[in-house]
C-alpha atoms as a PDB file:
ATOM      1  CA  MET A   1       0.107   0.205  -0.527  1.00  0.00           C
ATOM      2  CA  LEU A   2       1.320   4.068  -0.772  1.00  0.00           C
ATOM      3  CA  VAL A   3       1.420   5.727   2.126  1.00  0.00           C
ATOM      4  CA  PRO A   4       0.938   9.184   1.438  1.00  0.00           C
ATOM      5  CA  ASP A   5       3.581  12.343   1.856  1.00  0.00           C
ATOM      6  CA  PRO A   6       3.612  14.056   5.168  1.00  0.00           C
ATOM      7  CA  LYS A   7       4.088  17.117   3.532  1.00  0.00           C
ATOM      8  CA  VAL A   8       0.945  16.820   1.466  1.00  0.00           C
ATOM      9  CA  VAL A   9      -1.152  15.918   4.157  1.00  0.00           C
ATOM     10  CA  ARG A  10      -0.345  18.313   6.610  1.00  0.00           C
ATOM     11  CA  THR A  11      -0.742  21.009   3.298  1.00  0.00           C
ATOM     12  CA  LEU A  12      -4.266  19.275   3.530  1.00  0.00           C
ATOM     13  CA  LEU A  13      -5.151  19.621   6.388  1.00  0.00           C
ATOM     14  CA  THR A  14      -4.087  23.172   7.074  1.00  0.00           C
ATOM     15  CA  ARG A  15      -5.826  24.439   3.735  1.00  0.00           C
ATOM     16  CA  TYR A  16      -9.139  21.805   5.605  1.00  0.00           C
ATOM     17  CA  ALA A  17      -9.051  23.578   9.136  1.00  0.00           C
ATOM     18  CA  SER A  18      -8.798  27.111   7.541  1.00  0.00           C
ATOM     19  CA  LEU A  19     -12.044  26.797   4.550  1.00  0.00           C
ATOM     20  CA  ARG A  20     -13.614  25.629   8.196  1.00  0.00           C
ATOM     21  CA  ILE A  21     -12.875  28.449   9.904  1.00  0.00           C
ATOM     22  CA  ALA A  22     -13.807  30.812   6.974  1.00  0.00           C
ATOM     23  CA  GLN A  23     -17.024  29.093   6.916  1.00  0.00           C
ATOM     24  CA  ALA A  24     -17.802  28.895  10.274  1.00  0.00           C
ATOM     25  CA  GLU A  25     -17.027  32.991  10.420  1.00  0.00           C
ATOM     26  CA  ARG A  26     -18.780  34.054   7.302  1.00  0.00           C
ATOM     27  CA  GLU A  27     -20.617  31.583   4.712  1.00  0.00           C
ATOM     28  CA  ASN A  28     -19.223  31.262   1.828  1.00  0.00           C
ATOM     29  CA  PRO A  29     -19.940  29.749  -1.875  1.00  0.00           C
ATOM     30  CA  GLN A  30     -16.560  29.804  -2.689  1.00  0.00           C
ATOM     31  CA  ALA A  31     -15.079  28.390   0.295  1.00  0.00           C
ATOM     32  CA  ALA A  32     -18.067  25.461   0.338  1.00  0.00           C
ATOM     33  CA  ARG A  33     -17.028  23.983  -2.942  1.00  0.00           C
ATOM     34  CA  GLU A  34     -12.650  24.422  -1.467  1.00  0.00           C
ATOM     35  CA  LEU A  35     -13.839  23.143   1.549  1.00  0.00           C
ATOM     36  CA  ALA A  36     -15.707  19.777  -0.385  1.00  0.00           C
ATOM     37  CA  ASP A  37     -12.787  19.969  -2.634  1.00  0.00           C
ATOM     38  CA  VAL A  38     -10.506  19.754  -0.025  1.00  0.00           C
ATOM     39  CA  SER A  39     -12.408  17.042   2.006  1.00  0.00           C
ATOM     40  CA  ARG A  40     -12.873  15.043  -1.177  1.00  0.00           C
ATOM     41  CA  THR A  41      -8.942  15.073  -2.205  1.00  0.00           C
ATOM     42  CA  LEU A  42      -8.258  14.227   1.900  1.00  0.00           C
ATOM     43  CA  CYS A  43     -10.507  11.006   2.177  1.00  0.00           C
ATOM     44  CA  ALA A  44      -8.959   9.965  -1.408  1.00  0.00           C
ATOM     45  CA  VAL A  45      -5.126  10.589   0.041  1.00  0.00           C
ATOM     46  CA  MET A  46      -6.110   8.403   3.116  1.00  0.00           C
ATOM     47  CA  GLY A  47      -8.158   5.709   1.819  1.00  0.00           C
ATOM     48  CA  ALA A  48     -11.101   7.122   4.227  1.00  0.00           C
ATOM     49  CA  ALA A  49     -14.708   6.986   3.408  1.00  0.00           C
ATOM     50  CA  SER A  50     -15.570  10.323   5.570  1.00  0.00           C
ATOM     51  CA  VAL A  51     -13.449  13.568   6.267  1.00  0.00           C
ATOM     52  CA  GLU A  52     -13.819  12.558  10.034  1.00  0.00           C
ATOM     53  CA  ASP A  53     -12.198   9.202   9.181  1.00  0.00           C
ATOM     54  CA  ALA A  54      -9.913  10.738   6.953  1.00  0.00           C
ATOM     55  CA  ILE A  55      -8.224  13.613   9.742  1.00  0.00           C
ATOM     56  CA  ALA A  56      -7.970  10.678  12.008  1.00  0.00           C
ATOM     57  CA  LYS A  57      -5.742   8.857   9.910  1.00  0.00           C
ATOM     58  CA  ALA A  58      -3.801  11.370   9.240  1.00  0.00           C
ATOM     59  CA  ASP A  59      -3.027  12.882  12.474  1.00  0.00           C
ATOM     60  CA  ALA A  60      -1.754   9.092  13.128  1.00  0.00           C
ATOM     61  CA  LEU A  61       0.458   9.376   9.911  1.00  0.00           C
ATOM     62  CA  LEU A  62       1.923  12.497  10.390  1.00  0.00           C
ATOM     63  CA  ILE A  63       2.711  11.117  14.164  1.00  0.00           C
ATOM     64  CA  ALA A  64       4.162   8.193  12.997  1.00  0.00           C
ATOM     65  CA  SER A  65       6.975  10.244  10.073  1.00  0.00           C
ATOM     66  CA  ARG A  66       7.687  12.618  13.609  1.00  0.00           C
ATOM     67  CA  GLY A  67       8.236   9.819  15.590  1.00  0.00           C
ATOM     68  CA  ALA A  68      10.205   8.098  12.591  1.00  0.00           C
ATOM     69  CA  ALA A  69      12.115  11.694  11.615  1.00  0.00           C
ATOM     70  CA  GLY A  70      13.069  11.506  15.323  1.00  0.00           C
ATOM     71  CA  GLY A  71      10.439  14.592  16.733  1.00  0.00           C
ATOM     72  CA  ASP A  72       8.976  14.066  20.071  1.00  0.00           C
ATOM     73  CA  GLY A  73       5.327  13.559  20.853  1.00  0.00           C
ATOM     74  CA  GLY A  74       3.862  16.258  21.109  1.00  0.00           C
ATOM     75  CA  LEU A  75       0.560  17.512  20.532  1.00  0.00           C
ATOM     76  CA  SER A  76      -1.829  15.649  17.558  1.00  0.00           C
ATOM     77  CA  LEU A  77      -1.430  17.523  14.258  1.00  0.00           C
ATOM     78  CA  ALA A  78      -4.740  17.114  13.008  1.00  0.00           C
ATOM     79  CA  VAL A  79      -7.732  19.033  13.352  1.00  0.00           C
END
């Protein structure tokens, strides 16, 4: 099984979080479309059926990749 690049996953999570915040502050059709696109992409990259599962898998991947790179086990990286 292919493992997604942690940098790509981190970028998707950051974009997802930014769009969720933007939508919470003020609904915008453009941001809603972008959020839907990022959500689908995150699900596809992580091989998940829901965005919640994709975020959980992304979080686990980033923690594992940080551990493999010698990082400390601090805070969760997903939103």
